[in-house]
Amino acid sequence: MSEKEEKIIKVNELNPNFKYEIQAEPGGENMSRCFACGTCTATCPIREVNEKYNPRKIIRMALLGMKERVLSSDFIWLCAGCYSCTERCPQDVKITDLMNAIKNIAVKEGHIHPSFVAQMGFLNSHGRLYEIGEFDNKKRVKAGLPQIEESAEDTKKLFKQEGVDKLVSAREEK
């Protein structure tokens, strides 16, 4: 999508119930209190590094009903969870919790950031996020620590029970 196309808002793509969906999620309750003062944006360490992350803009887009654009964007996944925005918000909008609520809705709708899919793949294949190989186990023995045996069976059972295995295999096929 070009920059010009991003600025065009098509009325038929707006979902007026999106704000209520967010407010029904834990953490999204106070979203409508935001009056776009910019305190959250001014104190955000991620905003310093990446111009695309703008909590004020994300809230505005959500209030307008731009559901698909918000949920499919990469910028909702950038929140570092530092709570500096929440501590300074004069309207008690818990922005970090709000971002988590939006991420939860995104996941329910099938929009999952590739980094989380990669993590699920590691968990599914190794039972942990970091593969422990022979070299690592030798270092552990030298340090007086026990060796770690990789076993993903419990993780695979859990993934199968919760349906995550289908998600992992579907995303890995892409």
N, C-alpha and C. Protein backbone atom coordinates (compact mmCIF):
# COMPACT_ATOMS: atom_id res chain seq x y z
N MET A 1 0.84 -1.17 0.00
CA MET A 1 0.00 0.00 0.00
C MET A 1 0.89 1.24 0.00
N SER A 2 0.62 2.14 -0.92
CA SER A 2 1.42 3.36 -0.99
C SER A 2 1.03 4.31 0.13
N GLU A 3 1.87 5.32 0.32
CA GLU A 3 1.60 6.29 1.39
C GLU A 3 0.30 7.03 1.13
N LYS A 4 0.02 7.34 -0.15
CA LYS A 4 -1.20 8.04 -0.50
C LYS A 4 -2.43 7.18 -0.22
N GLU A 5 -2.34 5.88 -0.55
CA GLU A 5 -3.44 4.96 -0.29
C GLU A 5 -3.70 4.78 1.20
N GLU A 6 -2.64 4.86 2.02
CA GLU A 6 -2.80 4.73 3.47
C GLU A 6 -3.62 5.88 4.05
N LYS A 7 -3.56 7.04 3.43
CA LYS A 7 -4.25 8.21 3.94
C LYS A 7 -5.73 8.23 3.57
N ILE A 8 -6.12 7.43 2.57
CA ILE A 8 -7.51 7.39 2.15
C ILE A 8 -8.28 6.45 3.05
N ILE A 9 -9.35 6.96 3.63
CA ILE A 9 -10.22 6.16 4.49
C ILE A 9 -11.51 5.92 3.74
N LYS A 10 -11.81 4.66 3.46
CA LYS A 10 -13.04 4.30 2.77
C LYS A 10 -14.10 4.00 3.81
N VAL A 11 -15.22 4.69 3.71
CA VAL A 11 -16.29 4.58 4.70
C VAL A 11 -16.81 3.15 4.80
N ASN A 12 -16.88 2.44 3.69
CA ASN A 12 -17.40 1.07 3.72
C ASN A 12 -16.46 0.10 4.42
N GLU A 13 -15.22 0.51 4.69
CA GLU A 13 -14.27 -0.35 5.40
C GLU A 13 -14.27 -0.09 6.91
N LEU A 14 -14.99 0.91 7.36
CA LEU A 14 -15.02 1.24 8.79
C LEU A 14 -15.98 0.32 9.54
N ASN A 15 -15.58 -0.04 10.75
CA ASN A 15 -16.40 -0.89 11.60
C ASN A 15 -16.71 -0.10 12.87
N PRO A 16 -17.91 0.47 12.96
CA PRO A 16 -18.23 1.32 14.12
C PRO A 16 -18.26 0.57 15.44
N ASN A 17 -18.31 -0.75 15.41
CA ASN A 17 -18.34 -1.54 16.64
C ASN A 17 -16.95 -1.94 17.14
N PHE A 18 -15.92 -1.59 16.38
CA PHE A 18 -14.56 -1.99 16.75
C PHE A 18 -14.17 -1.45 18.12
N LYS A 19 -14.52 -0.20 18.40
CA LYS A 19 -14.16 0.39 19.70
C LYS A 19 -14.82 -0.37 20.85
N TYR A 20 -16.05 -0.84 20.63
CA TYR A 20 -16.74 -1.59 21.67
C TYR A 20 -16.12 -2.98 21.86
N GLU A 21 -15.64 -3.55 20.77
CA GLU A 21 -14.95 -4.84 20.83
C GLU A 21 -13.67 -4.71 21.66
N ILE A 22 -12.94 -3.63 21.46
CA ILE A 22 -11.72 -3.38 22.23
C ILE A 22 -12.07 -3.14 23.69
N GLN A 23 -13.10 -2.34 23.94
CA GLN A 23 -13.49 -2.03 25.31
C GLN A 23 -13.98 -3.26 26.07
N ALA A 24 -14.44 -4.27 25.37
CA ALA A 24 -14.90 -5.50 26.01
C ALA A 24 -13.72 -6.40 26.41
N GLU A 25 -12.55 -6.16 25.82
CA GLU A 25 -11.34 -6.93 26.16
C GLU A 25 -10.72 -6.37 27.44
N PRO A 26 -10.17 -7.23 28.30
CA PRO A 26 -9.45 -6.72 29.47
C PRO A 26 -8.30 -5.80 29.04
N GLY A 27 -8.28 -4.60 29.60
CA GLY A 27 -7.26 -3.62 29.26
C GLY A 27 -7.76 -2.54 28.33
N GLY A 28 -8.86 -2.79 27.65
CA GLY A 28 -9.37 -1.80 26.68
C GLY A 28 -10.48 -0.92 27.21
N GLU A 29 -10.81 -1.08 28.47
CA GLU A 29 -11.98 -0.42 29.05
C GLU A 29 -11.97 1.11 28.94
N ASN A 30 -10.81 1.74 29.11
CA ASN A 30 -10.75 3.20 29.18
C ASN A 30 -10.34 3.87 27.88
N MET A 31 -10.39 3.14 26.78
CA MET A 31 -9.91 3.68 25.51
C MET A 31 -10.63 4.97 25.11
N SER A 32 -11.93 5.02 25.31
CA SER A 32 -12.69 6.20 24.87
C SER A 32 -12.40 7.44 25.71
N ARG A 33 -11.67 7.31 26.80
CA ARG A 33 -11.29 8.48 27.61
C ARG A 33 -10.20 9.32 26.93
N CYS A 34 -9.47 8.73 26.01
CA CYS A 34 -8.34 9.41 25.37
C CYS A 34 -8.84 10.63 24.61
N PHE A 35 -8.24 11.77 24.89
CA PHE A 35 -8.58 12.97 24.12
C PHE A 35 -7.39 13.45 23.30
N ALA A 36 -6.48 12.55 23.00
CA ALA A 36 -5.35 12.78 22.09
C ALA A 36 -4.45 13.94 22.52
N CYS A 37 -4.10 13.95 23.79
CA CYS A 37 -3.24 15.03 24.30
C CYS A 37 -1.79 14.87 23.85
N GLY A 38 -1.40 13.63 23.55
CA GLY A 38 -0.05 13.38 23.06
C GLY A 38 0.97 13.05 24.13
N THR A 39 0.57 13.00 25.40
CA THR A 39 1.51 12.67 26.47
C THR A 39 2.11 11.29 26.25
N CYS A 40 1.29 10.35 25.82
CA CYS A 40 1.77 8.98 25.59
C CYS A 40 2.82 8.95 24.48
N THR A 41 2.58 9.69 23.46
CA THR A 41 3.50 9.72 22.31
C THR A 41 4.80 10.41 22.68
N ALA A 42 4.72 11.45 23.47
CA ALA A 42 5.92 12.22 23.84
C ALA A 42 6.86 11.44 24.74
N THR A 43 6.32 10.51 25.51
CA THR A 43 7.17 9.78 26.47
C THR A 43 7.51 8.36 26.02
N CYS A 44 7.08 7.98 24.83
CA CYS A 44 7.27 6.60 24.36
C CYS A 44 8.67 6.37 23.81
N PRO A 45 9.42 5.42 24.38
CA PRO A 45 10.77 5.15 23.87
C PRO A 45 10.76 4.51 22.48
N ILE A 46 9.72 3.78 22.16
CA ILE A 46 9.62 3.16 20.83
C ILE A 46 9.38 4.24 19.78
N ARG A 47 8.59 5.21 20.11
CA ARG A 47 8.30 6.33 19.20
C ARG A 47 9.58 7.07 18.84
N GLU A 48 10.51 7.13 19.77
CA GLU A 48 11.81 7.77 19.51
C GLU A 48 12.56 7.07 18.38
N VAL A 49 12.40 5.76 18.30
CA VAL A 49 13.15 4.95 17.34
C VAL A 49 12.35 4.71 16.05
N ASN A 50 11.04 4.56 16.18
CA ASN A 50 10.21 4.22 15.03
C ASN A 50 9.01 5.15 14.96
N GLU A 51 8.97 5.96 13.93
CA GLU A 51 7.89 6.95 13.74
C GLU A 51 6.52 6.28 13.54
N LYS A 52 6.50 5.03 13.08
CA LYS A 52 5.22 4.36 12.82
C LYS A 52 4.45 4.06 14.09
N TYR A 53 5.17 3.92 15.21
CA TYR A 53 4.47 3.61 16.45
C TYR A 53 4.03 4.91 17.10
N ASN A 54 2.73 5.10 17.15
CA ASN A 54 2.15 6.30 17.71
C ASN A 54 0.88 5.90 18.45
N PRO A 55 0.93 5.73 19.76
CA PRO A 55 -0.25 5.27 20.50
C PRO A 55 -1.48 6.16 20.28
N ARG A 56 -1.27 7.45 20.20
CA ARG A 56 -2.38 8.38 19.98
C ARG A 56 -3.06 8.09 18.64
N LYS A 57 -2.27 7.85 17.61
CA LYS A 57 -2.81 7.56 16.28
C LYS A 57 -3.52 6.21 16.26
N ILE A 58 -2.97 5.23 16.94
CA ILE A 58 -3.58 3.90 16.99
C ILE A 58 -4.95 3.98 17.67
N ILE A 59 -5.02 4.71 18.77
CA ILE A 59 -6.29 4.87 19.48
C ILE A 59 -7.30 5.59 18.58
N ARG A 60 -6.87 6.62 17.90
CA ARG A 60 -7.75 7.37 17.01
C ARG A 60 -8.28 6.46 15.90
N MET A 61 -7.40 5.67 15.30
CA MET A 61 -7.82 4.75 14.24
C MET A 61 -8.82 3.74 14.78
N ALA A 62 -8.60 3.25 15.99
CA ALA A 62 -9.53 2.29 16.60
C ALA A 62 -10.88 2.93 16.87
N LEU A 63 -10.87 4.15 17.38
CA LEU A 63 -12.13 4.85 17.65
C LEU A 63 -12.91 5.13 16.37
N LEU A 64 -12.20 5.38 15.28
CA LEU A 64 -12.86 5.62 13.99
C LEU A 64 -13.42 4.34 13.37
N GLY A 65 -12.95 3.18 13.85
CA GLY A 65 -13.45 1.92 13.33
C GLY A 65 -12.59 1.31 12.23
N MET A 66 -11.34 1.70 12.18
CA MET A 66 -10.43 1.20 11.14
C MET A 66 -9.87 -0.16 11.57
N LYS A 67 -10.75 -1.09 11.79
CA LYS A 67 -10.41 -2.39 12.37
C LYS A 67 -9.35 -3.13 11.56
N GLU A 68 -9.60 -3.34 10.29
CA GLU A 68 -8.69 -4.14 9.48
C GLU A 68 -7.32 -3.48 9.39
N ARG A 69 -7.28 -2.17 9.25
CA ARG A 69 -6.00 -1.47 9.14
C ARG A 69 -5.21 -1.56 10.45
N VAL A 70 -5.90 -1.47 11.57
CA VAL A 70 -5.22 -1.55 12.87
C VAL A 70 -4.73 -2.97 13.13
N LEU A 71 -5.60 -3.94 12.96
CA LEU A 71 -5.25 -5.32 13.30
C LEU A 71 -4.20 -5.93 12.38
N SER A 72 -4.16 -5.51 11.13
CA SER A 72 -3.20 -6.09 10.19
C SER A 72 -1.88 -5.33 10.15
N SER A 73 -1.77 -4.28 10.93
CA SER A 73 -0.55 -3.46 10.91
C SER A 73 0.55 -4.06 11.78
N ASP A 74 1.77 -3.72 11.45
CA ASP A 74 2.91 -4.14 12.28
C ASP A 74 3.07 -3.26 13.51
N PHE A 75 2.56 -2.02 13.46
CA PHE A 75 2.84 -1.10 14.55
C PHE A 75 2.19 -1.45 15.87
N ILE A 76 1.13 -2.26 15.88
CA ILE A 76 0.53 -2.62 17.18
C ILE A 76 1.44 -3.55 17.96
N TRP A 77 2.35 -4.22 17.29
CA TRP A 77 3.24 -5.17 17.95
C TRP A 77 4.50 -4.52 18.50
N LEU A 78 4.67 -3.23 18.29
CA LEU A 78 5.90 -2.55 18.68
C LEU A 78 5.93 -2.10 20.14
N CYS A 79 4.81 -2.07 20.82
CA CYS A 79 4.77 -1.60 22.21
C CYS A 79 5.73 -2.43 23.06
N ALA A 80 6.60 -1.73 23.78
CA ALA A 80 7.63 -2.39 24.58
C ALA A 80 7.13 -2.79 25.97
N GLY A 81 5.94 -2.36 26.34
CA GLY A 81 5.41 -2.70 27.65
C GLY A 81 6.13 -2.00 28.79
N CYS A 82 6.64 -0.81 28.54
CA CYS A 82 7.41 -0.10 29.57
C CYS A 82 6.52 0.67 30.55
N TYR A 83 5.27 0.90 30.18
CA TYR A 83 4.28 1.60 31.01
C TYR A 83 4.58 3.09 31.23
N SER A 84 5.54 3.67 30.53
CA SER A 84 5.79 5.11 30.72
C SER A 84 4.59 5.93 30.25
N CYS A 85 3.91 5.47 29.20
CA CYS A 85 2.72 6.18 28.72
C CYS A 85 1.58 6.08 29.73
N THR A 86 1.43 4.91 30.32
CA THR A 86 0.36 4.69 31.29
C THR A 86 0.57 5.54 32.54
N GLU A 87 1.82 5.65 32.98
CA GLU A 87 2.13 6.43 34.18
C GLU A 87 1.84 7.91 34.00
N ARG A 88 1.95 8.40 32.78
CA ARG A 88 1.81 9.83 32.54
C ARG A 88 0.45 10.25 31.97
N CYS A 89 -0.39 9.30 31.61
CA CYS A 89 -1.67 9.62 30.97
C CYS A 89 -2.60 10.35 31.95
N PRO A 90 -3.03 11.56 31.62
CA PRO A 90 -3.91 12.31 32.53
C PRO A 90 -5.34 11.76 32.56
N GLN A 91 -5.70 10.91 31.63
CA GLN A 91 -7.06 10.37 31.57
C GLN A 91 -7.14 8.93 32.04
N ASP A 92 -6.04 8.41 32.59
CA ASP A 92 -5.98 7.05 33.11
C ASP A 92 -6.27 5.99 32.04
N VAL A 93 -5.83 6.28 30.80
CA VAL A 93 -5.91 5.27 29.74
C VAL A 93 -4.67 4.40 29.90
N LYS A 94 -4.87 3.17 30.19
CA LYS A 94 -3.75 2.25 30.38
C LYS A 94 -3.33 1.73 29.00
N ILE A 95 -2.47 2.51 28.36
CA ILE A 95 -2.15 2.30 26.95
C ILE A 95 -1.44 0.98 26.72
N THR A 96 -0.54 0.59 27.58
CA THR A 96 0.14 -0.70 27.41
C THR A 96 -0.88 -1.84 27.47
N ASP A 97 -1.79 -1.77 28.41
CA ASP A 97 -2.85 -2.79 28.51
C ASP A 97 -3.79 -2.72 27.29
N LEU A 98 -4.04 -1.51 26.82
CA LEU A 98 -4.87 -1.31 25.63
C LEU A 98 -4.21 -1.96 24.40
N MET A 99 -2.90 -1.78 24.26
CA MET A 99 -2.19 -2.40 23.13
C MET A 99 -2.27 -3.93 23.23
N ASN A 100 -2.21 -4.46 24.45
CA ASN A 100 -2.35 -5.91 24.63
C ASN A 100 -3.76 -6.37 24.25
N ALA A 101 -4.77 -5.57 24.58
CA ALA A 101 -6.14 -5.91 24.20
C ALA A 101 -6.29 -5.93 22.68
N ILE A 102 -5.70 -4.96 22.00
CA ILE A 102 -5.75 -4.91 20.54
C ILE A 102 -5.00 -6.10 19.95
N LYS A 103 -3.85 -6.44 20.52
CA LYS A 103 -3.09 -7.61 20.05
C LYS A 103 -3.90 -8.89 20.24
N ASN A 104 -4.61 -9.00 21.36
CA ASN A 104 -5.44 -10.19 21.60
C ASN A 104 -6.53 -10.33 20.54
N ILE A 105 -7.15 -9.22 20.18
CA ILE A 105 -8.17 -9.24 19.13
C ILE A 105 -7.53 -9.61 17.80
N ALA A 106 -6.35 -9.06 17.53
CA ALA A 106 -5.65 -9.37 16.28
C ALA A 106 -5.37 -10.86 16.17
N VAL A 107 -4.93 -11.46 17.25
CA VAL A 107 -4.64 -12.90 17.24
C VAL A 107 -5.93 -13.69 17.00
N LYS A 108 -7.01 -13.31 17.67
CA LYS A 108 -8.29 -14.00 17.48
C LYS A 108 -8.75 -13.91 16.03
N GLU A 109 -8.40 -12.81 15.37
CA GLU A 109 -8.80 -12.60 13.97
C GLU A 109 -7.80 -13.21 12.99
N GLY A 110 -6.73 -13.81 13.51
CA GLY A 110 -5.76 -14.46 12.64
C GLY A 110 -4.58 -13.60 12.21
N HIS A 111 -4.42 -12.43 12.81
CA HIS A 111 -3.29 -11.55 12.51
C HIS A 111 -2.23 -11.73 13.59
N ILE A 112 -1.23 -12.55 13.30
CA ILE A 112 -0.18 -12.82 14.28
C ILE A 112 1.15 -12.37 13.70
N HIS A 113 1.90 -11.65 14.49
CA HIS A 113 3.20 -11.15 14.03
C HIS A 113 4.13 -12.34 13.75
N PRO A 114 4.90 -12.27 12.67
CA PRO A 114 5.80 -13.38 12.31
C PRO A 114 6.77 -13.80 13.42
N SER A 115 7.17 -12.88 14.28
CA SER A 115 8.09 -13.25 15.36
C SER A 115 7.44 -14.23 16.34
N PHE A 116 6.15 -14.07 16.60
CA PHE A 116 5.46 -14.99 17.50
C PHE A 116 5.24 -16.35 16.85
N VAL A 117 5.00 -16.34 15.54
CA VAL A 117 4.87 -17.60 14.82
C VAL A 117 6.19 -18.36 14.87
N ALA A 118 7.30 -17.65 14.70
CA ALA A 118 8.62 -18.29 14.78
C ALA A 118 8.85 -18.86 16.18
N GLN A 119 8.46 -18.13 17.21
CA GLN A 119 8.60 -18.63 18.58
C GLN A 119 7.77 -19.88 18.80
N MET A 120 6.55 -19.90 18.26
CA MET A 120 5.70 -21.08 18.40
C MET A 120 6.33 -22.27 17.67
N GLY A 121 6.96 -22.01 16.53
CA GLY A 121 7.65 -23.07 15.80
C GLY A 121 8.78 -23.68 16.62
N PHE A 122 9.57 -22.82 17.28
CA PHE A 122 10.65 -23.33 18.14
C PHE A 122 10.08 -24.13 19.31
N LEU A 123 9.04 -23.61 19.93
CA LEU A 123 8.43 -24.34 21.05
C LEU A 123 7.89 -25.69 20.59
N ASN A 124 7.30 -25.72 19.42
CA ASN A 124 6.73 -26.95 18.89
C ASN A 124 7.80 -27.98 18.55
N SER A 125 8.94 -27.53 18.05
CA SER A 125 9.97 -28.48 17.64
C SER A 125 10.99 -28.80 18.74
N HIS A 126 11.23 -27.88 19.67
CA HIS A 126 12.26 -28.11 20.70
C HIS A 126 11.72 -28.13 22.13
N GLY A 127 10.50 -27.65 22.31
CA GLY A 127 9.94 -27.58 23.65
C GLY A 127 10.45 -26.37 24.43
N ARG A 128 11.21 -25.52 23.78
CA ARG A 128 11.77 -24.31 24.38
C ARG A 128 12.08 -23.33 23.26
N LEU A 129 12.35 -22.09 23.61
CA LEU A 129 12.64 -21.08 22.60
C LEU A 129 14.06 -21.13 22.08
N TYR A 130 14.91 -21.82 22.79
CA TYR A 130 16.33 -21.89 22.42
C TYR A 130 16.72 -23.35 22.30
N GLU A 131 17.26 -23.72 21.16
CA GLU A 131 17.68 -25.10 20.96
C GLU A 131 18.94 -25.37 21.77
N ILE A 132 18.91 -26.43 22.56
CA ILE A 132 20.07 -26.83 23.35
C ILE A 132 20.76 -27.98 22.62
N GLY A 133 21.93 -27.70 22.12
CA GLY A 133 22.67 -28.70 21.37
C GLY A 133 23.76 -29.36 22.20
N GLU A 134 24.54 -30.18 21.56
CA GLU A 134 25.63 -30.90 22.22
C GLU A 134 26.67 -29.94 22.79
N PHE A 135 26.97 -28.88 22.02
CA PHE A 135 27.95 -27.89 22.47
C PHE A 135 27.51 -27.22 23.77
N ASP A 136 26.22 -26.82 23.82
CA ASP A 136 25.68 -26.18 25.02
C ASP A 136 25.71 -27.11 26.22
N ASN A 137 25.38 -28.37 26.00
CA ASN A 137 25.38 -29.34 27.09
C ASN A 137 26.79 -29.59 27.62
N LYS A 138 27.78 -29.59 26.73
CA LYS A 138 29.18 -29.74 27.17
C LYS A 138 29.58 -28.57 28.06
N LYS A 139 29.19 -27.37 27.68
CA LYS A 139 29.49 -26.18 28.50
C LYS A 139 28.79 -26.27 29.86
N ARG A 140 27.59 -26.80 29.88
CA ARG A 140 26.85 -26.94 31.13
C ARG A 140 27.56 -27.93 32.05
N VAL A 141 28.02 -29.05 31.50
CA VAL A 141 28.71 -30.07 32.30
C VAL A 141 29.99 -29.48 32.88
N LYS A 142 30.74 -28.73 32.08
CA LYS A 142 31.97 -28.10 32.56
C LYS A 142 31.69 -27.11 33.69
N ALA A 143 30.53 -26.49 33.66
CA ALA A 143 30.15 -25.53 34.70
C ALA A 143 29.50 -26.21 35.90
N GLY A 144 29.40 -27.53 35.85
CA GLY A 144 28.82 -28.26 36.96
C GLY A 144 27.30 -28.31 36.92
N LEU A 145 26.71 -28.04 35.78
CA LEU A 145 25.25 -28.06 35.63
C LEU A 145 24.83 -29.34 34.92
N PRO A 146 23.61 -29.78 35.15
CA PRO A 146 23.14 -31.00 34.47
C PRO A 146 22.84 -30.72 32.99
N GLN A 147 22.93 -31.76 32.19
CA GLN A 147 22.59 -31.63 30.78
C GLN A 147 21.08 -31.44 30.63
N ILE A 148 20.71 -30.79 29.54
CA ILE A 148 19.29 -30.57 29.25
C ILE A 148 18.91 -31.43 28.06
N GLU A 149 17.91 -32.24 28.25
CA GLU A 149 17.40 -33.07 27.16
C GLU A 149 16.21 -32.37 26.54
N GLU A 150 16.23 -32.26 25.23
CA GLU A 150 15.11 -31.62 24.55
C GLU A 150 13.95 -32.59 24.46
N SER A 151 12.79 -32.13 24.84
CA SER A 151 11.57 -32.91 24.74
C SER A 151 10.42 -31.96 24.47
N ALA A 152 9.84 -32.07 23.31
CA ALA A 152 8.75 -31.19 22.93
C ALA A 152 7.39 -31.88 23.04
N GLU A 153 7.36 -33.06 23.60
CA GLU A 153 6.12 -33.84 23.64
C GLU A 153 5.01 -33.11 24.42
N ASP A 154 5.33 -32.57 25.58
CA ASP A 154 4.32 -31.87 26.37
C ASP A 154 3.82 -30.62 25.64
N THR A 155 4.75 -29.91 25.02
CA THR A 155 4.38 -28.71 24.27
C THR A 155 3.49 -29.08 23.09
N LYS A 156 3.85 -30.14 22.38
CA LYS A 156 3.04 -30.58 21.24
C LYS A 156 1.63 -30.98 21.67
N LYS A 157 1.52 -31.65 22.81
CA LYS A 157 0.19 -32.02 23.32
C LYS A 157 -0.63 -30.77 23.63
N LEU A 158 0.01 -29.80 24.28
CA LEU A 158 -0.68 -28.56 24.61
C LEU A 158 -1.10 -27.81 23.35
N PHE A 159 -0.19 -27.72 22.38
CA PHE A 159 -0.49 -27.04 21.12
C PHE A 159 -1.65 -27.72 20.41
N LYS A 160 -1.66 -29.05 20.41
CA LYS A 160 -2.74 -29.79 19.76
C LYS A 160 -4.07 -29.56 20.47
N GLN A 161 -4.03 -29.59 21.79
CA GLN A 161 -5.24 -29.38 22.60
C GLN A 161 -5.84 -28.00 22.36
N GLU A 162 -4.98 -26.99 22.21
CA GLU A 162 -5.46 -25.62 22.06
C GLU A 162 -5.61 -25.19 20.60
N GLY A 163 -5.23 -26.06 19.66
CA GLY A 163 -5.36 -25.73 18.24
C GLY A 163 -4.22 -24.91 17.68
N VAL A 164 -3.19 -24.70 18.47
CA VAL A 164 -2.05 -23.90 18.03
C VAL A 164 -1.24 -24.65 16.98
N ASP A 165 -1.27 -25.97 17.03
CA ASP A 165 -0.50 -26.76 16.06
C ASP A 165 -0.94 -26.46 14.62
N LYS A 166 -2.23 -26.26 14.41
CA LYS A 166 -2.74 -25.92 13.07
C LYS A 166 -2.24 -24.55 12.64
N LEU A 167 -2.21 -23.64 13.58
CA LEU A 167 -1.73 -22.29 13.30
C LEU A 167 -0.26 -22.31 12.92
N VAL A 168 0.54 -23.07 13.67
CA VAL A 168 1.97 -23.14 13.41
C VAL A 168 2.22 -23.77 12.05
N SER A 169 1.57 -24.88 11.78
CA SER A 169 1.81 -25.55 10.49
C SER A 169 1.30 -24.71 9.32
N ALA A 170 0.17 -24.02 9.49
CA ALA A 170 -0.35 -23.17 8.42
C ALA A 170 0.58 -22.00 8.13
N ARG A 171 1.13 -21.40 9.17
CA ARG A 171 2.04 -20.26 8.99
C ARG A 171 3.38 -20.69 8.44
N GLU A 172 3.84 -21.89 8.82
CA GLU A 172 5.14 -22.37 8.33
C GLU A 172 5.08 -22.74 6.84
N GLU A 173 3.87 -23.10 6.36
CA GLU A 173 3.71 -23.46 4.95
C GLU A 173 3.75 -22.24 4.04
N LYS A 174 3.48 -21.05 4.56
CA LYS A 174 3.45 -19.82 3.75
C LYS A 174 4.79 -19.42 3.27
